Amino acid sequence: MYLILNSNSDRKQKLLSIERHTRVVEIYSNKDQHNLGYVRFFNGINEFLEYPYKVGDSVSKKKGDSIEYIFRKDSIIKNNLFEESRKNGFLK
């Protein structure tokens, strides 16, 4: 029980510590990671594709906030990282 609670707490802290103000430049299959989906950001960071990004999206998230804003064409999408992590089974 402690391990589950501790890992949930660690995951939440990790999500809250993210600060990102960049653009999505590529979505690709990473052959080194069993062809899982990855996203490449303009700032050079490559990450596992956990969220509904599309090429050309501008992404903004402040440190300490669980909401990430995705600017896509003429719309703004609020992406709650905690809710998405729960849906994907990363948080309880």
N, C-alpha and C. Protein backbone atom coordinates (compact mmCIF):
# COMPACT_ATOMS: atom_id res chain seq x y z
N MET A 1 0.82 -1.19 0.00
CA MET A 1 0.00 0.00 0.00
C MET A 1 0.87 1.26 0.00
N TYR A 2 1.94 1.27 0.78
CA TYR A 2 2.82 2.43 0.84
C TYR A 2 3.44 2.71 -0.52
N LEU A 3 3.87 1.67 -1.22
CA LEU A 3 4.50 1.84 -2.52
C LEU A 3 3.56 2.50 -3.51
N ILE A 4 2.29 2.10 -3.51
CA ILE A 4 1.31 2.69 -4.43
C ILE A 4 1.10 4.16 -4.08
N LEU A 5 0.90 4.46 -2.80
CA LEU A 5 0.69 5.85 -2.40
C LEU A 5 1.91 6.70 -2.69
N ASN A 6 3.09 6.16 -2.40
CA ASN A 6 4.33 6.89 -2.62
C ASN A 6 4.55 7.14 -4.11
N SER A 7 4.30 6.13 -4.95
CA SER A 7 4.51 6.32 -6.38
C SER A 7 3.49 7.30 -6.96
N ASN A 8 2.25 7.30 -6.45
CA ASN A 8 1.26 8.29 -6.89
C ASN A 8 1.71 9.69 -6.52
N SER A 9 2.22 9.85 -5.32
CA SER A 9 2.70 11.15 -4.86
C SER A 9 3.88 11.61 -5.71
N ASP A 10 4.79 10.69 -6.00
CA ASP A 10 5.95 11.03 -6.83
C ASP A 10 5.51 11.45 -8.23
N ARG A 11 4.56 10.72 -8.79
CA ARG A 11 4.05 11.02 -10.14
C ARG A 11 3.39 12.40 -10.16
N LYS A 12 2.59 12.70 -9.14
CA LYS A 12 1.94 14.02 -9.07
C LYS A 12 2.98 15.13 -8.98
N GLN A 13 3.99 14.93 -8.14
CA GLN A 13 5.05 15.94 -8.00
C GLN A 13 5.80 16.13 -9.31
N LYS A 14 6.04 15.05 -10.02
CA LYS A 14 6.73 15.14 -11.30
C LYS A 14 5.89 15.94 -12.30
N LEU A 15 4.59 15.66 -12.34
CA LEU A 15 3.71 16.40 -13.26
C LEU A 15 3.64 17.87 -12.90
N LEU A 16 3.61 18.17 -11.60
CA LEU A 16 3.55 19.57 -11.18
C LEU A 16 4.86 20.31 -11.44
N SER A 17 5.97 19.59 -11.49
CA SER A 17 7.27 20.24 -11.67
C SER A 17 7.56 20.61 -13.13
N ILE A 18 6.75 20.10 -14.05
CA ILE A 18 6.98 20.38 -15.47
C ILE A 18 6.68 21.84 -15.78
N GLU A 19 7.59 22.48 -16.48
CA GLU A 19 7.33 23.82 -17.03
C GLU A 19 7.66 23.73 -18.51
N ARG A 20 6.67 24.07 -19.33
CA ARG A 20 6.85 23.87 -20.78
C ARG A 20 6.17 25.01 -21.54
N HIS A 21 6.91 25.62 -22.42
CA HIS A 21 6.39 26.65 -23.32
C HIS A 21 7.09 26.41 -24.66
N THR A 22 6.49 25.58 -25.49
CA THR A 22 7.16 25.16 -26.72
C THR A 22 6.13 24.73 -27.76
N ARG A 23 6.61 24.18 -28.86
CA ARG A 23 5.76 23.75 -29.97
C ARG A 23 6.10 22.32 -30.34
N VAL A 24 5.08 21.56 -30.78
CA VAL A 24 5.28 20.17 -31.23
C VAL A 24 5.77 20.20 -32.67
N VAL A 25 6.93 19.59 -32.93
CA VAL A 25 7.47 19.58 -34.29
C VAL A 25 7.36 18.22 -34.96
N GLU A 26 7.22 17.14 -34.15
CA GLU A 26 7.15 15.82 -34.76
C GLU A 26 6.52 14.82 -33.80
N ILE A 27 5.73 13.91 -34.34
CA ILE A 27 5.23 12.77 -33.60
C ILE A 27 5.71 11.54 -34.38
N TYR A 28 6.37 10.62 -33.68
CA TYR A 28 7.02 9.52 -34.39
C TYR A 28 7.01 8.25 -33.56
N SER A 29 7.27 7.13 -34.21
CA SER A 29 7.44 5.84 -33.53
C SER A 29 8.91 5.68 -33.18
N ASN A 30 9.18 5.44 -31.92
CA ASN A 30 10.55 5.28 -31.45
C ASN A 30 10.94 3.80 -31.56
N LYS A 31 11.77 3.49 -32.52
CA LYS A 31 12.17 2.09 -32.77
C LYS A 31 12.96 1.51 -31.60
N ASP A 32 13.66 2.35 -30.85
CA ASP A 32 14.41 1.87 -29.69
C ASP A 32 13.51 1.54 -28.51
N GLN A 33 12.26 2.01 -28.55
CA GLN A 33 11.30 1.79 -27.46
C GLN A 33 10.08 1.00 -27.96
N HIS A 34 10.33 -0.03 -28.73
CA HIS A 34 9.27 -0.94 -29.22
C HIS A 34 8.22 -0.21 -30.06
N ASN A 35 8.65 0.79 -30.82
CA ASN A 35 7.78 1.56 -31.72
C ASN A 35 6.65 2.30 -31.01
N LEU A 36 6.86 2.65 -29.76
CA LEU A 36 5.87 3.45 -29.04
C LEU A 36 5.87 4.87 -29.59
N GLY A 37 4.74 5.54 -29.45
CA GLY A 37 4.63 6.91 -29.92
C GLY A 37 5.43 7.88 -29.06
N TYR A 38 6.15 8.76 -29.72
CA TYR A 38 6.93 9.79 -29.04
C TYR A 38 6.63 11.14 -29.68
N VAL A 39 6.87 12.19 -28.92
CA VAL A 39 6.68 13.55 -29.42
C VAL A 39 8.01 14.28 -29.31
N ARG A 40 8.34 15.08 -30.32
CA ARG A 40 9.54 15.92 -30.30
C ARG A 40 9.08 17.37 -30.27
N PHE A 41 9.59 18.10 -29.28
CA PHE A 41 9.25 19.51 -29.13
C PHE A 41 10.31 20.39 -29.78
N PHE A 42 9.95 21.62 -30.07
CA PHE A 42 10.84 22.60 -30.70
C PHE A 42 12.10 22.83 -29.88
N ASN A 43 11.99 22.73 -28.55
CA ASN A 43 13.15 22.96 -27.69
C ASN A 43 14.09 21.76 -27.62
N GLY A 44 13.82 20.70 -28.43
CA GLY A 44 14.71 19.56 -28.51
C GLY A 44 14.37 18.40 -27.60
N ILE A 45 13.38 18.55 -26.76
CA ILE A 45 13.01 17.48 -25.83
C ILE A 45 12.15 16.45 -26.57
N ASN A 46 12.46 15.17 -26.35
CA ASN A 46 11.68 14.06 -26.88
C ASN A 46 11.05 13.34 -25.69
N GLU A 47 9.75 13.05 -25.79
CA GLU A 47 9.04 12.39 -24.70
C GLU A 47 8.08 11.35 -25.23
N PHE A 48 7.75 10.40 -24.35
CA PHE A 48 6.71 9.42 -24.63
C PHE A 48 5.40 10.16 -24.86
N LEU A 49 4.66 9.78 -25.86
CA LEU A 49 3.41 10.45 -26.23
C LEU A 49 2.29 9.98 -25.32
N GLU A 50 2.04 10.73 -24.24
CA GLU A 50 0.97 10.39 -23.30
C GLU A 50 -0.28 11.22 -23.53
N TYR A 51 -0.17 12.34 -24.19
CA TYR A 51 -1.26 13.29 -24.29
C TYR A 51 -1.60 13.55 -25.75
N PRO A 52 -2.75 14.13 -26.03
CA PRO A 52 -3.27 14.25 -27.41
C PRO A 52 -2.64 15.38 -28.23
N TYR A 53 -1.34 15.37 -28.38
CA TYR A 53 -0.67 16.40 -29.17
C TYR A 53 -0.79 16.12 -30.66
N LYS A 54 -0.70 17.19 -31.45
CA LYS A 54 -0.61 17.10 -32.90
C LYS A 54 0.52 18.02 -33.35
N VAL A 55 1.14 17.68 -34.48
CA VAL A 55 2.21 18.51 -35.01
C VAL A 55 1.68 19.93 -35.23
N GLY A 56 2.45 20.91 -34.78
CA GLY A 56 2.06 22.31 -34.90
C GLY A 56 1.42 22.89 -33.65
N ASP A 57 1.05 22.03 -32.70
CA ASP A 57 0.47 22.52 -31.44
C ASP A 57 1.50 23.34 -30.68
N SER A 58 1.06 24.43 -30.08
CA SER A 58 1.87 25.15 -29.10
C SER A 58 1.39 24.71 -27.73
N VAL A 59 2.34 24.41 -26.86
CA VAL A 59 2.03 23.85 -25.55
C VAL A 59 2.57 24.78 -24.48
N SER A 60 1.73 25.07 -23.47
CA SER A 60 2.16 25.94 -22.39
C SER A 60 1.69 25.37 -21.06
N LYS A 61 2.63 25.23 -20.12
CA LYS A 61 2.31 24.77 -18.77
C LYS A 61 3.26 25.43 -17.79
N LYS A 62 2.67 25.99 -16.74
CA LYS A 62 3.47 26.61 -15.69
C LYS A 62 3.80 25.58 -14.61
N LYS A 63 4.97 25.73 -14.02
CA LYS A 63 5.37 24.87 -12.91
C LYS A 63 4.38 25.04 -11.76
N GLY A 64 3.95 23.94 -11.17
CA GLY A 64 3.02 23.98 -10.05
C GLY A 64 1.56 23.88 -10.46
N ASP A 65 1.28 23.91 -11.75
CA ASP A 65 -0.09 23.83 -12.27
C ASP A 65 -0.30 22.47 -12.92
N SER A 66 -1.45 21.86 -12.71
CA SER A 66 -1.72 20.56 -13.33
C SER A 66 -2.39 20.71 -14.70
N ILE A 67 -2.72 21.93 -15.08
CA ILE A 67 -3.37 22.18 -16.37
C ILE A 67 -2.31 22.61 -17.40
N GLU A 68 -2.35 21.94 -18.54
CA GLU A 68 -1.49 22.28 -19.66
C GLU A 68 -2.41 22.84 -20.76
N TYR A 69 -2.00 23.92 -21.38
CA TYR A 69 -2.80 24.52 -22.44
C TYR A 69 -2.19 24.18 -23.79
N ILE A 70 -3.03 23.64 -24.67
CA ILE A 70 -2.60 23.29 -26.02
C ILE A 70 -3.29 24.26 -26.97
N PHE A 71 -2.50 25.04 -27.68
CA PHE A 71 -3.04 26.00 -28.64
C PHE A 71 -2.98 25.35 -30.02
N ARG A 72 -4.15 25.08 -30.60
CA ARG A 72 -4.25 24.38 -31.87
C ARG A 72 -5.14 25.20 -32.80
N LYS A 73 -4.51 25.72 -33.86
CA LYS A 73 -5.20 26.58 -34.84
C LYS A 73 -5.93 27.69 -34.10
N ASP A 74 -7.26 27.72 -34.11
CA ASP A 74 -7.99 28.82 -33.46
C ASP A 74 -8.66 28.38 -32.17
N SER A 75 -8.16 27.30 -31.54
CA SER A 75 -8.77 26.84 -30.30
C SER A 75 -7.71 26.63 -29.21
N ILE A 76 -8.19 26.65 -27.98
CA ILE A 76 -7.34 26.39 -26.81
C ILE A 76 -7.91 25.17 -26.10
N ILE A 77 -7.08 24.16 -25.91
CA ILE A 77 -7.50 22.92 -25.27
C ILE A 77 -6.85 22.87 -23.89
N LYS A 78 -7.68 22.71 -22.85
CA LYS A 78 -7.16 22.54 -21.50
C LYS A 78 -6.94 21.06 -21.27
N ASN A 79 -5.72 20.70 -20.97
CA ASN A 79 -5.35 19.31 -20.74
C ASN A 79 -4.96 19.16 -19.27
N ASN A 80 -5.83 18.52 -18.47
CA ASN A 80 -5.52 18.30 -17.06
C ASN A 80 -4.63 17.07 -16.97
N LEU A 81 -3.38 17.26 -16.62
CA LEU A 81 -2.41 16.17 -16.59
C LEU A 81 -2.77 15.08 -15.58
N PHE A 82 -3.37 15.46 -14.44
CA PHE A 82 -3.78 14.46 -13.46
C PHE A 82 -4.87 13.57 -14.02
N GLU A 83 -5.89 14.17 -14.65
CA GLU A 83 -6.98 13.38 -15.22
C GLU A 83 -6.49 12.46 -16.33
N GLU A 84 -5.62 12.97 -17.20
CA GLU A 84 -5.08 12.15 -18.29
C GLU A 84 -4.25 11.00 -17.73
N SER A 85 -3.48 11.24 -16.69
CA SER A 85 -2.67 10.19 -16.07
C SER A 85 -3.56 9.12 -15.43
N ARG A 86 -4.68 9.54 -14.84
CA ARG A 86 -5.61 8.56 -14.28
C ARG A 86 -6.23 7.71 -15.38
N LYS A 87 -6.64 8.35 -16.49
CA LYS A 87 -7.22 7.62 -17.61
C LYS A 87 -6.25 6.59 -18.17
N ASN A 88 -4.97 6.96 -18.23
CA ASN A 88 -3.95 6.07 -18.79
C ASN A 88 -3.39 5.07 -17.78
N GLY A 89 -3.89 5.10 -16.55
CA GLY A 89 -3.47 4.14 -15.54
C GLY A 89 -2.19 4.48 -14.82
N PHE A 90 -1.68 5.70 -14.99
CA PHE A 90 -0.45 6.09 -14.31
C PHE A 90 -0.68 6.62 -12.91
N LEU A 91 -1.90 7.06 -12.62
CA LEU A 91 -2.28 7.54 -11.29
C LEU A 91 -3.54 6.80 -10.85
N LYS A 92 -3.70 6.67 -9.55
CA LYS A 92 -4.90 6.04 -9.00
C LYS A 92 -5.83 7.10 -8.49
